[in-house]
Amino acid sequence: MIHPEQEQSMLALADRHIAEAKDRIAVQQKRVQDRQRKGADSSQSEKLLRNMQNILQSFTQHRFQPDPTRA
């Protein structure tokens, strides 16, 4: 069983990871837009952006998933 203080620490870390992922996604979105504006191939940048968004979705789902041990 996880102590409440440890659980709060883990949740805070997950929240920080989610916030950092959102920041990185914003940067990558700007890179995609810049490449598109310049007429450059943005396919790899877009693929990376989609992967980053999928990872963020996984982070978020995991973060807010109910704890099955607390029924």
Protein backbone atom coordinates (compact mmCIF):
# COMPACT_ATOMS: atom_id res chain seq x y z
CA MET A 1 0.00 0.00 0.00
CA ILE A 2 1.23 3.46 -0.89
CA HIS A 3 1.29 6.10 1.84
CA PRO A 4 -0.75 9.24 1.09
CA GLU A 5 2.39 11.41 1.01
CA GLN A 6 4.03 9.11 -1.52
CA GLU A 7 0.86 9.02 -3.60
CA GLN A 8 0.68 12.82 -3.65
CA SER A 9 4.33 12.99 -4.71
CA MET A 10 3.71 10.54 -7.54
CA LEU A 11 0.64 12.46 -8.69
CA ALA A 12 2.58 15.73 -8.63
CA LEU A 13 5.29 14.14 -10.77
CA ALA A 14 2.67 12.89 -13.24
CA ASP A 15 1.16 16.38 -13.37
CA ARG A 16 4.60 17.85 -14.09
CA HIS A 17 5.20 15.33 -16.88
CA ILE A 18 1.83 16.22 -18.42
CA ALA A 19 2.58 19.95 -18.25
CA GLU A 20 6.03 19.44 -19.80
CA ALA A 21 4.54 17.29 -22.56
CA LYS A 22 2.03 20.04 -23.37
CA ASP A 23 4.86 22.56 -23.61
CA ARG A 24 6.86 20.30 -25.92
CA ILE A 25 3.81 19.72 -28.10
CA ALA A 26 3.29 23.47 -28.44
CA VAL A 27 6.90 23.86 -29.60
CA GLN A 28 6.51 21.00 -32.08
CA GLN A 29 3.26 22.49 -33.44
CA LYS A 30 5.12 25.72 -34.12
CA ARG A 31 7.86 23.77 -35.93
CA VAL A 32 5.28 22.07 -38.12
CA GLN A 33 3.63 25.40 -38.92
CA ASP A 34 7.00 27.00 -39.71
CA ARG A 35 7.96 24.19 -42.07
CA GLN A 36 4.58 24.35 -43.80
CA ARG A 37 4.79 28.13 -44.12
CA LYS A 38 8.23 27.82 -45.73
CA GLY A 39 6.96 25.14 -48.13
CA ALA A 40 9.29 22.53 -46.64
CA ASP A 41 8.40 18.88 -46.13
CA SER A 42 6.70 18.67 -42.75
CA SER A 43 5.69 15.00 -42.84
CA GLN A 44 8.28 13.84 -40.30
CA SER A 45 7.54 16.79 -38.03
CA GLU A 46 3.84 16.00 -38.23
CA LYS A 47 4.48 12.33 -37.48
CA LEU A 48 6.50 13.28 -34.41
CA LEU A 49 3.73 15.66 -33.32
CA ARG A 50 1.12 12.90 -33.58
CA ASN A 51 3.34 10.57 -31.56
CA MET A 52 3.82 13.24 -28.90
CA GLN A 53 0.06 13.83 -28.74
CA ASN A 54 -0.58 10.08 -28.37
CA ILE A 55 1.93 9.89 -25.54
CA LEU A 56 0.28 12.84 -23.81
CA GLN A 57 -3.06 11.10 -24.12
CA SER A 58 -1.57 8.00 -22.49
CA PHE A 59 -0.05 10.09 -19.70
CA THR A 60 -3.39 11.77 -19.06
CA GLN A 61 -5.39 8.55 -19.10
CA HIS A 62 -2.95 6.90 -16.72
CA ARG A 63 -2.88 9.94 -14.42
CA PHE A 64 -6.65 10.07 -14.02
CA GLN A 65 -7.27 6.31 -14.03
CA PRO A 66 -8.98 5.21 -10.81
CA ASP A 67 -6.85 3.17 -8.43
CA PRO A 68 -8.34 -0.37 -8.44
CA THR A 69 -6.98 -1.02 -4.95
CA ARG A 70 -9.24 1.71 -3.55
CA ALA A 71 -12.69 0.30 -4.03
